[in-house]
Amino acid sequence: MKKINSKKYDLLKTITITLMLLFIVDYYVFSLAVVEGESMYPTINSSDRLIYVKLPYFRNRSKRGDIVIFQPPKELARDELFVKRVIATEGDAYCIAKGVLSINDIEIAEEYICAEIYVDKDYEHTYGTVPTDKVFVMGDNRNNSNDSRRFCCIYTQQIRGKVIMRIWPLNEIRTFVNPFS
């Protein structure tokens, strides 16, 4: 009788510890995001499942080219997060003219963006210098993205994490490598 109770106790203990570890990892280290919308097409599609790193180290050290999950300005979304690519970081001068991106007066080749013809809209923030503790973000689908061109730079504290991997759909599993590294 004692052996059976001991085995049940050990199993319950193992399950409890495993669940606690999973909770800690999900809350503090990694998390899963489900994408809604086509703003990051062709890199990321609607309904893709992404894993992102939540550690503060990555939030405060975002680099040009990183794909990040962030809390958008309050007037845009209440309970949803956005996924975009970091285009410019603190101190960078950015300019978007006729669909061409320049950072610090250097034209940037962006092979990762949607190849559609760029539709020049009346964006409010197409040039400037990124302030301290902020980044400028844009979607890869430039014609269909609500991003820094509309709401300007975001604080690095708004960043929830760095996207590292797509895990769904299964036939499109991949890790994301910074194109500027």
Protein backbone atom coordinates (compact mmCIF):
# COMPACT_ATOMS: atom_id res chain seq x y z
CA MET A 1 0.00 0.00 0.00
CA LYS A 2 2.81 2.41 0.83
CA LYS A 3 4.52 1.79 -2.52
CA ILE A 4 1.37 2.67 -4.46
CA ASN A 5 0.82 5.87 -2.47
CA SER A 6 4.50 6.72 -2.86
CA LYS A 7 4.29 6.27 -6.65
CA LYS A 8 1.13 8.37 -6.84
CA TYR A 9 2.76 11.06 -4.73
CA ASP A 10 5.89 11.03 -6.92
CA LEU A 11 3.77 11.27 -10.08
CA LEU A 12 1.70 14.13 -8.63
CA LYS A 13 4.88 15.89 -7.51
CA THR A 14 6.45 15.50 -10.98
CA ILE A 15 3.33 16.82 -12.71
CA THR A 16 3.10 19.78 -10.32
CA ILE A 17 6.76 20.72 -10.75
CA THR A 18 6.49 20.37 -14.55
CA LEU A 19 3.41 22.62 -14.67
CA MET A 20 5.08 25.20 -12.45
CA LEU A 21 8.19 25.22 -14.66
CA LEU A 22 6.06 25.56 -17.80
CA PHE A 23 4.20 28.48 -16.24
CA ILE A 24 7.46 30.21 -15.24
CA VAL A 25 8.98 29.69 -18.70
CA ASP A 26 5.81 30.96 -20.41
CA TYR A 27 5.46 33.96 -18.11
CA TYR A 28 9.09 35.07 -17.97
CA VAL A 29 11.13 33.53 -20.79
CA PHE A 30 9.21 32.42 -23.92
CA SER A 31 5.66 32.87 -25.10
CA LEU A 32 3.45 31.97 -28.03
CA ALA A 33 1.71 34.49 -30.29
CA VAL A 34 -0.95 33.86 -32.92
CA VAL A 35 -0.75 36.30 -35.85
CA GLU A 36 -3.89 38.03 -37.10
CA GLY A 37 -3.47 40.03 -40.28
CA GLU A 38 -1.11 40.31 -43.24
CA SER A 39 1.09 43.25 -42.18
CA MET A 40 4.24 41.07 -42.04
CA TYR A 41 3.58 39.15 -45.29
CA PRO A 42 5.56 37.47 -46.89
CA THR A 43 7.75 36.81 -43.82
CA ILE A 44 4.84 35.97 -41.51
CA ASN A 45 1.28 35.08 -42.50
CA SER A 46 -2.06 35.41 -40.76
CA SER A 47 -2.70 32.43 -38.40
CA ASP A 48 1.02 31.67 -38.01
CA ARG A 49 2.10 30.66 -34.50
CA LEU A 50 5.27 32.37 -33.30
CA ILE A 51 7.56 31.85 -30.33
CA TYR A 52 9.12 34.96 -28.90
CA VAL A 53 11.70 35.59 -26.19
CA LYS A 54 10.41 37.81 -23.39
CA LEU A 55 13.61 38.39 -21.46
CA PRO A 56 14.24 42.11 -20.77
CA TYR A 57 17.69 41.78 -22.35
CA PHE A 58 16.10 41.45 -25.80
CA ARG A 59 13.54 44.21 -25.26
CA ASN A 60 16.12 46.87 -24.54
CA ARG A 61 18.62 45.74 -27.16
CA SER A 62 16.47 45.52 -30.26
CA LYS A 63 18.50 45.79 -33.44
CA ARG A 64 17.61 46.92 -36.92
CA GLY A 65 16.01 43.92 -38.65
CA ASP A 66 14.70 42.18 -35.51
CA ILE A 67 11.07 41.10 -35.58
CA VAL A 68 9.40 42.16 -32.34
CA ILE A 69 6.08 41.78 -30.55
CA PHE A 70 4.99 45.03 -28.89
CA GLN A 71 2.15 46.85 -27.21
CA PRO A 72 0.89 49.44 -29.71
CA PRO A 73 -0.16 52.95 -28.69
CA LYS A 74 -3.32 52.82 -26.56
CA GLU A 75 -5.49 54.60 -29.11
CA LEU A 76 -4.91 51.80 -31.65
CA ALA A 77 -5.50 48.59 -29.70
CA ARG A 78 -6.58 47.66 -26.23
CA ASP A 79 -5.72 44.03 -25.64
CA GLU A 80 -3.77 43.04 -28.71
CA LEU A 81 -0.09 43.02 -29.53
CA PHE A 82 1.51 43.98 -32.85
CA VAL A 83 4.30 42.18 -34.68
CA LYS A 84 6.64 44.33 -36.82
CA ARG A 85 10.26 44.63 -37.91
CA VAL A 86 12.61 47.13 -36.25
CA ILE A 87 13.71 49.50 -39.02
CA ALA A 88 15.68 52.11 -37.08
CA THR A 89 17.00 52.38 -33.54
CA GLU A 90 17.95 55.19 -31.17
CA GLY A 91 19.86 57.94 -32.97
CA ASP A 92 19.19 56.62 -36.50
CA ALA A 93 17.92 59.10 -39.10
CA TYR A 94 15.25 57.46 -41.28
CA CYS A 95 13.61 58.55 -44.53
CA ILE A 96 10.98 56.79 -46.64
CA ALA A 97 10.48 58.37 -50.05
CA LYS A 98 8.65 56.71 -52.97
CA GLY A 99 8.92 53.34 -51.26
CA VAL A 100 12.68 53.56 -50.73
CA LEU A 101 14.01 53.34 -47.18
CA SER A 102 17.17 55.17 -46.16
CA ILE A 103 18.84 54.94 -42.76
CA ASN A 104 21.51 57.52 -41.94
CA ASP A 105 21.49 58.59 -45.63
CA ILE A 106 22.21 55.03 -46.84
CA GLU A 107 19.60 53.34 -49.03
CA ILE A 108 18.62 49.99 -47.50
CA ALA A 109 18.05 46.92 -49.69
CA GLU A 110 15.06 45.11 -48.21
CA GLU A 111 14.72 41.70 -49.84
CA TYR A 112 12.30 40.57 -47.12
CA ILE A 113 9.46 43.01 -47.94
CA CYS A 114 6.37 42.28 -50.02
CA ALA A 115 7.28 42.90 -53.67
CA GLU A 116 4.08 44.74 -54.56
CA ILE A 117 4.36 48.21 -56.02
CA TYR A 118 4.56 50.63 -53.11
CA VAL A 119 1.46 52.78 -52.72
CA ASP A 120 2.48 56.16 -51.34
CA LYS A 121 -0.07 57.07 -48.68
CA ASP A 122 -0.28 60.23 -46.66
CA TYR A 123 1.83 58.96 -43.77
CA GLU A 124 2.66 61.44 -41.05
CA HIS A 125 6.04 60.00 -40.03
CA THR A 126 8.21 59.26 -43.08
CA TYR A 127 11.41 60.94 -41.94
CA GLY A 128 13.09 61.91 -38.71
CA THR A 129 15.56 60.76 -36.10
CA VAL A 130 14.71 58.03 -33.60
CA PRO A 131 14.72 59.48 -30.06
CA THR A 132 16.42 57.92 -27.03
CA ASP A 133 14.83 54.65 -25.78
CA LYS A 134 12.67 54.30 -28.90
CA VAL A 135 12.62 52.32 -32.17
CA PHE A 136 10.92 52.83 -35.55
CA VAL A 137 8.99 49.73 -36.70
CA MET A 138 7.32 48.74 -39.97
CA GLY A 139 5.52 45.72 -41.37
CA ASP A 140 7.09 43.81 -44.27
CA ASN A 141 3.84 44.26 -46.22
CA ARG A 142 4.34 48.01 -46.55
CA ASN A 143 1.00 48.62 -48.31
CA ASN A 144 -0.96 46.88 -45.55
CA SER A 145 0.68 47.76 -42.25
CA ASN A 146 -0.31 50.01 -39.38
CA ASP A 147 3.14 50.95 -38.11
CA SER A 148 5.51 53.77 -37.11
CA ARG A 149 4.72 55.66 -40.30
CA ARG A 150 1.33 56.32 -38.67
CA PHE A 151 2.04 56.32 -34.92
CA CYS A 152 5.77 57.20 -34.96
CA CYS A 153 8.45 55.56 -32.83
CA ILE A 154 7.61 53.22 -29.97
CA TYR A 155 9.33 53.06 -26.59
CA THR A 156 11.57 50.05 -26.08
CA GLN A 157 9.50 49.37 -22.93
CA GLN A 158 6.51 48.66 -25.21
CA ILE A 159 8.38 45.71 -26.72
CA ARG A 160 7.22 42.42 -25.20
CA GLY A 161 9.79 40.25 -26.93
CA LYS A 162 11.80 39.22 -29.97
CA VAL A 163 10.31 36.69 -32.40
CA ILE A 164 12.67 33.75 -32.82
CA MET A 165 10.63 31.03 -34.51
CA ARG A 166 7.47 30.11 -36.42
CA ILE A 167 6.06 26.78 -35.21
CA TRP A 168 2.82 26.68 -37.22
CA PRO A 169 1.96 25.70 -39.88
CA LEU A 170 4.16 22.65 -39.52
CA ASN A 171 5.34 22.73 -43.14
CA GLU A 172 6.65 26.29 -42.60
CA ILE A 173 8.55 25.89 -39.32
CA ARG A 174 11.58 28.17 -39.32
CA THR A 175 13.76 30.36 -37.18
CA PHE A 176 14.06 34.06 -37.91
CA VAL A 177 17.52 35.42 -38.56
CA ASN A 178 18.16 39.14 -38.58
CA PRO A 179 18.84 40.11 -42.24
CA PHE A 180 21.30 42.79 -41.09
CA SER A 181 23.45 40.54 -38.88
